[in-house]
Amino acid sequence: MYCYLVINDDIITGAHHSSSELENNPGNYVKVREFSPELMGKRLISVNEELEPLVEDVTQPVVPEDPRCWWIDVGPFYDRFGADALAIAASDHGACRAVQTLTGVRKYIDLKDPRIGQMIDMLIAVQQPAAQAFAPGSGPMTAAKKAAILDTPTAERERHVKGLVQDA
């Protein structure tokens, strides 16, 4: 299994897993030995010879006082799903369609809303989304993926309400 960090503006925004090495790297994937959810939202500085990432904590995770700090725009919410977002969007499975319908009509997603966690739990229970060849690294939702999606504090660029907390 090959693991890649998904990098946007030097910030780690997700992970991509593939059974084979990427031949057509879109340019924002960086190969590493393994992914840890604690890397989300950190700036990638380099990767050493052992494929371990050197990162800088640019967000200084703060437990937000204002609950609106956990309100994330819909696009950045799906960005947190990595390759699974494409697999969910292409799926005809009822659970995937339900997640799309219930989240797609919203202005924002409240990451602390228990109903959002329940939707992801539903994907875990039915082992969806199915792995798709057109979305390398996609595959069934897991508890670790759920934690990375819901428990990573939002960055200013992801938040539905801007300017609530001064990011470091």
C-alpha atoms as a PDB file:
ATOM      1  CA  MET A   1       0.000   0.000   0.000  1.00  0.00           C
ATOM      2  CA  TYR A   2       1.292   3.441  -0.942  1.00  0.00           C
ATOM      3  CA  CYS A   3       0.383   6.501   1.076  1.00  0.00           C
ATOM      4  CA  TYR A   4       0.378  10.089  -0.138  1.00  0.00           C
ATOM      5  CA  LEU A   5      -0.353  13.346   1.650  1.00  0.00           C
ATOM      6  CA  VAL A   6      -2.715  15.673  -0.205  1.00  0.00           C
ATOM      7  CA  ILE A   7      -1.199  19.161  -0.143  1.00  0.00           C
ATOM      8  CA  ASN A   8      -3.018  22.425  -0.914  1.00  0.00           C
ATOM      9  CA  ASP A   9      -1.094  25.692  -0.475  1.00  0.00           C
ATOM     10  CA  ASP A  10       1.609  23.745   1.451  1.00  0.00           C
ATOM     11  CA  ILE A  11      -1.033  22.591   3.990  1.00  0.00           C
ATOM     12  CA  ILE A  12      -1.867  18.905   4.496  1.00  0.00           C
ATOM     13  CA  THR A  13      -5.565  18.590   3.703  1.00  0.00           C
ATOM     14  CA  GLY A  14      -5.961  14.828   3.388  1.00  0.00           C
ATOM     15  CA  ALA A  15      -4.474  11.466   2.571  1.00  0.00           C
ATOM     16  CA  HIS A  16      -4.574   9.255  -0.482  1.00  0.00           C
ATOM     17  CA  HIS A  17      -3.917   5.515  -0.317  1.00  0.00           C
ATOM     18  CA  SER A  18      -3.222   3.405  -3.370  1.00  0.00           C
ATOM     19  CA  SER A  19      -2.352  -0.227  -4.009  1.00  0.00           C
ATOM     20  CA  SER A  20       0.172   0.916  -6.617  1.00  0.00           C
ATOM     21  CA  GLU A  21       2.517   3.846  -6.952  1.00  0.00           C
ATOM     22  CA  LEU A  22       0.936   6.867  -8.637  1.00  0.00           C
ATOM     23  CA  GLU A  23       2.059   7.232 -12.233  1.00  0.00           C
ATOM     24  CA  ASN A  24       0.236  10.488 -12.926  1.00  0.00           C
ATOM     25  CA  ASN A  25       0.728  12.461  -9.724  1.00  0.00           C
ATOM     26  CA  PRO A  26      -1.482  15.561  -9.989  1.00  0.00           C
ATOM     27  CA  GLY A  27       1.292  17.552  -8.325  1.00  0.00           C
ATOM     28  CA  ASN A  28      -0.237  17.971  -4.901  1.00  0.00           C
ATOM     29  CA  TYR A  29       0.414  14.400  -3.655  1.00  0.00           C
ATOM     30  CA  VAL A  30       3.554  13.703  -1.623  1.00  0.00           C
ATOM     31  CA  LYS A  31       4.565  10.121  -0.905  1.00  0.00           C
ATOM     32  CA  VAL A  32       5.050   9.210   2.778  1.00  0.00           C
ATOM     33  CA  ARG A  33       5.396   5.989   4.746  1.00  0.00           C
ATOM     34  CA  GLU A  34       2.089   6.403   6.621  1.00  0.00           C
ATOM     35  CA  PHE A  35      -0.618   8.930   7.395  1.00  0.00           C
ATOM     36  CA  SER A  36      -1.621  10.109  10.839  1.00  0.00           C
ATOM     37  CA  PRO A  37      -4.743  12.260  11.351  1.00  0.00           C
ATOM     38  CA  GLU A  38      -2.636  14.617  13.494  1.00  0.00           C
ATOM     39  CA  LEU A  39      -0.977  15.825  10.265  1.00  0.00           C
ATOM     40  CA  MET A  40      -4.198  17.441   9.015  1.00  0.00           C
ATOM     41  CA  GLY A  41      -3.972  21.219   8.778  1.00  0.00           C
ATOM     42  CA  LYS A  42      -0.188  21.360   9.255  1.00  0.00           C
ATOM     43  CA  ARG A  43       2.283  22.842   6.780  1.00  0.00           C
ATOM     44  CA  LEU A  44       4.501  20.279   5.051  1.00  0.00           C
ATOM     45  CA  ILE A  45       8.103  21.426   5.112  1.00  0.00           C
ATOM     46  CA  SER A  46       9.807  18.325   3.679  1.00  0.00           C
ATOM     47  CA  VAL A  47       9.873  14.543   3.630  1.00  0.00           C
ATOM     48  CA  ASN A  48      13.043  12.759   4.759  1.00  0.00           C
ATOM     49  CA  GLU A  49      14.668   9.704   3.172  1.00  0.00           C
ATOM     50  CA  GLU A  50      12.559   7.380   5.372  1.00  0.00           C
ATOM     51  CA  LEU A  51       9.432   9.028   3.910  1.00  0.00           C
ATOM     52  CA  GLU A  52       8.560  10.677   7.218  1.00  0.00           C
ATOM     53  CA  PRO A  53       7.047  14.155   6.921  1.00  0.00           C
ATOM     54  CA  LEU A  54       8.531  17.177   8.641  1.00  0.00           C
ATOM     55  CA  VAL A  55       5.662  19.528   9.428  1.00  0.00           C
ATOM     56  CA  GLU A  56       5.054  22.868  11.052  1.00  0.00           C
ATOM     57  CA  ASP A  57       1.953  23.511  13.105  1.00  0.00           C
ATOM     58  CA  VAL A  58       0.624  26.675  11.524  1.00  0.00           C
ATOM     59  CA  THR A  59      -2.829  26.593  13.045  1.00  0.00           C
ATOM     60  CA  GLN A  60      -1.854  26.211  16.702  1.00  0.00           C
ATOM     61  CA  PRO A  61      -4.960  24.118  17.323  1.00  0.00           C
ATOM     62  CA  VAL A  62      -7.111  25.906  19.825  1.00  0.00           C
ATOM     63  CA  VAL A  63     -10.230  24.457  21.302  1.00  0.00           C
ATOM     64  CA  PRO A  64     -12.598  27.068  19.962  1.00  0.00           C
ATOM     65  CA  GLU A  65     -14.857  28.809  22.436  1.00  0.00           C
ATOM     66  CA  ASP A  66     -17.277  29.809  19.719  1.00  0.00           C
ATOM     67  CA  PRO A  67     -19.144  26.738  18.383  1.00  0.00           C
ATOM     68  CA  ARG A  68     -19.282  28.415  14.962  1.00  0.00           C
ATOM     69  CA  CYS A  69     -15.568  27.610  14.670  1.00  0.00           C
ATOM     70  CA  TRP A  70     -16.693  24.048  13.893  1.00  0.00           C
ATOM     71  CA  TRP A  71     -18.956  25.183  11.040  1.00  0.00           C
ATOM     72  CA  ILE A  72     -17.212  24.215   7.817  1.00  0.00           C
ATOM     73  CA  ASP A  73     -18.230  25.125   4.288  1.00  0.00           C
ATOM     74  CA  VAL A  74     -19.533  22.168   2.275  1.00  0.00           C
ATOM     75  CA  GLY A  75     -16.633  22.126  -0.227  1.00  0.00           C
ATOM     76  CA  PRO A  76     -13.886  21.982   2.434  1.00  0.00           C
ATOM     77  CA  PHE A  77     -15.960  19.362   4.289  1.00  0.00           C
ATOM     78  CA  TYR A  78     -15.818  17.080   1.261  1.00  0.00           C
ATOM     79  CA  ASP A  79     -12.116  17.928   0.739  1.00  0.00           C
ATOM     80  CA  ARG A  80     -11.508  16.210   4.081  1.00  0.00           C
ATOM     81  CA  PHE A  81     -12.816  12.956   2.567  1.00  0.00           C
ATOM     82  CA  GLY A  82      -9.936  12.833   0.056  1.00  0.00           C
ATOM     83  CA  ALA A  83     -10.451  10.156  -2.635  1.00  0.00           C
ATOM     84  CA  ASP A  84     -13.572   8.947  -0.832  1.00  0.00           C
ATOM     85  CA  ALA A  85     -15.408  12.142  -1.855  1.00  0.00           C
ATOM     86  CA  LEU A  86     -15.254  11.161  -5.517  1.00  0.00           C
ATOM     87  CA  ALA A  87     -16.288   7.581  -4.721  1.00  0.00           C
ATOM     88  CA  ILE A  88     -19.278   8.845  -2.705  1.00  0.00           C
ATOM     89  CA  ALA A  89     -20.291  11.251  -5.464  1.00  0.00           C
ATOM     90  CA  ALA A  90     -20.193   8.470  -8.091  1.00  0.00           C
ATOM     91  CA  SER A  91     -21.931   5.847  -5.959  1.00  0.00           C
ATOM     92  CA  ASP A  92     -25.482   4.601  -6.433  1.00  0.00           C
ATOM     93  CA  HIS A  93     -25.491   3.072  -2.940  1.00  0.00           C
ATOM     94  CA  GLY A  94     -28.324   4.423  -0.798  1.00  0.00           C
ATOM     95  CA  ALA A  95     -26.046   5.393   2.096  1.00  0.00           C
ATOM     96  CA  CYS A  96     -23.787   7.433  -0.191  1.00  0.00           C
ATOM     97  CA  ARG A  97     -26.793   9.102  -1.799  1.00  0.00           C
ATOM     98  CA  ALA A  98     -28.198   9.929   1.647  1.00  0.00           C
ATOM     99  CA  VAL A  99     -24.946  11.590   2.735  1.00  0.00           C
ATOM    100  CA  GLN A 100     -24.837  13.613  -0.494  1.00  0.00           C
ATOM    101  CA  THR A 101     -28.453  14.691  -0.165  1.00  0.00           C
ATOM    102  CA  LEU A 102     -28.330  15.591   3.508  1.00  0.00           C
ATOM    103  CA  THR A 103     -25.061  17.528   3.292  1.00  0.00           C
ATOM    104  CA  GLY A 104     -25.379  18.998  -0.199  1.00  0.00           C
ATOM    105  CA  VAL A 105     -28.423  21.117   0.637  1.00  0.00           C
ATOM    106  CA  ARG A 106     -26.723  22.838   3.566  1.00  0.00           C
ATOM    107  CA  LYS A 107     -24.897  26.176   3.618  1.00  0.00           C
ATOM    108  CA  TYR A 108     -22.354  24.676   6.007  1.00  0.00           C
ATOM    109  CA  ILE A 109     -21.667  21.519   8.010  1.00  0.00           C
ATOM    110  CA  ASP A 110     -21.456  21.662  11.805  1.00  0.00           C
ATOM    111  CA  LEU A 111     -18.698  19.129  12.545  1.00  0.00           C
ATOM    112  CA  LYS A 112     -20.007  18.762  16.104  1.00  0.00           C
ATOM    113  CA  ASP A 113     -23.589  18.038  15.061  1.00  0.00           C
ATOM    114  CA  PRO A 114     -24.163  14.397  16.116  1.00  0.00           C
ATOM    115  CA  ARG A 115     -26.225  13.793  12.974  1.00  0.00           C
ATOM    116  CA  ILE A 116     -23.105  14.330  10.842  1.00  0.00           C
ATOM    117  CA  GLY A 117     -21.262  11.719  12.885  1.00  0.00           C
ATOM    118  CA  GLN A 118     -24.234   9.377  12.499  1.00  0.00           C
ATOM    119  CA  MET A 119     -24.124   9.768   8.717  1.00  0.00           C
ATOM    120  CA  ILE A 120     -20.459   8.808   8.678  1.00  0.00           C
ATOM    121  CA  ASP A 121     -21.203   5.913  11.065  1.00  0.00           C
ATOM    122  CA  MET A 122     -23.778   4.731   8.543  1.00  0.00           C
ATOM    123  CA  LEU A 123     -21.062   4.632   5.850  1.00  0.00           C
ATOM    124  CA  ILE A 124     -18.846   2.631   8.211  1.00  0.00           C
ATOM    125  CA  ALA A 125     -21.654   0.174   9.011  1.00  0.00           C
ATOM    126  CA  VAL A 126     -22.393  -0.562   5.347  1.00  0.00           C
ATOM    127  CA  GLN A 127     -18.713  -0.451   4.305  1.00  0.00           C
ATOM    128  CA  GLN A 128     -19.173   2.423   1.869  1.00  0.00           C
ATOM    129  CA  PRO A 129     -18.007   4.028  -0.269  1.00  0.00           C
ATOM    130  CA  ALA A 130     -16.774   1.084  -2.302  1.00  0.00           C
ATOM    131  CA  ALA A 131     -13.217   1.378  -3.594  1.00  0.00           C
ATOM    132  CA  GLN A 132     -13.199   2.801  -7.116  1.00  0.00           C
ATOM    133  CA  ALA A 133     -10.447   2.373  -9.711  1.00  0.00           C
ATOM    134  CA  PHE A 134     -10.970   5.965 -10.890  1.00  0.00           C
ATOM    135  CA  ALA A 135     -10.369   7.223  -7.318  1.00  0.00           C
ATOM    136  CA  PRO A 136      -7.205   5.443  -6.127  1.00  0.00           C
ATOM    137  CA  GLY A 137      -7.143   5.204  -2.361  1.00  0.00           C
ATOM    138  CA  SER A 138     -10.900   5.305  -2.021  1.00  0.00           C
ATOM    139  CA  GLY A 139     -12.543   2.627   0.002  1.00  0.00           C
ATOM    140  CA  PRO A 140     -14.805   1.989   2.906  1.00  0.00           C
ATOM    141  CA  MET A 141     -15.084   4.654   5.579  1.00  0.00           C
ATOM    142  CA  THR A 142     -13.251   3.837   8.815  1.00  0.00           C
ATOM    143  CA  ALA A 143     -13.248   5.198  12.350  1.00  0.00           C
ATOM    144  CA  ALA A 144      -9.813   6.755  11.697  1.00  0.00           C
ATOM    145  CA  LYS A 145     -11.092   8.548   8.593  1.00  0.00           C
ATOM    146  CA  LYS A 146     -14.142   9.734  10.528  1.00  0.00           C
ATOM    147  CA  ALA A 147     -11.924  11.141  13.290  1.00  0.00           C
ATOM    148  CA  ALA A 148      -9.741  12.986  10.764  1.00  0.00           C
ATOM    149  CA  ILE A 149     -12.836  14.498   9.134  1.00  0.00           C
ATOM    150  CA  LEU A 150     -14.754  15.513  12.270  1.00  0.00           C
ATOM    151  CA  ASP A 151     -12.145  16.082  14.983  1.00  0.00           C
ATOM    152  CA  THR A 152      -9.604  18.241  13.152  1.00  0.00           C
ATOM    153  CA  PRO A 153     -10.195  21.886  14.082  1.00  0.00           C
ATOM    154  CA  THR A 154     -11.177  24.035  11.133  1.00  0.00           C
ATOM    155  CA  ALA A 155      -8.704  26.422   9.572  1.00  0.00           C
ATOM    156  CA  GLU A 156      -9.826  29.965   8.754  1.00  0.00           C
ATOM    157  CA  ARG A 157     -10.014  29.140   5.029  1.00  0.00           C
ATOM    158  CA  GLU A 158     -12.468  26.266   5.735  1.00  0.00           C
ATOM    159  CA  ARG A 159     -14.786  28.055   8.148  1.00  0.00           C
ATOM    160  CA  HIS A 160     -18.230  29.168   7.151  1.00  0.00           C
ATOM    161  CA  VAL A 161     -17.932  32.226   9.396  1.00  0.00           C
ATOM    162  CA  LYS A 162     -14.595  33.970   8.838  1.00  0.00           C
ATOM    163  CA  GLY A 163     -12.722  35.980  11.455  1.00  0.00           C
ATOM    164  CA  LEU A 164     -13.955  34.172  14.574  1.00  0.00           C
ATOM    165  CA  VAL A 165     -10.533  33.139  15.857  1.00  0.00           C
ATOM    166  CA  GLN A 166      -7.150  34.586  15.068  1.00  0.00           C
ATOM    167  CA  ASP A 167      -5.167  31.695  13.547  1.00  0.00           C
ATOM    168  CA  ALA A 168      -1.511  31.631  14.518  1.00  0.00           C
END
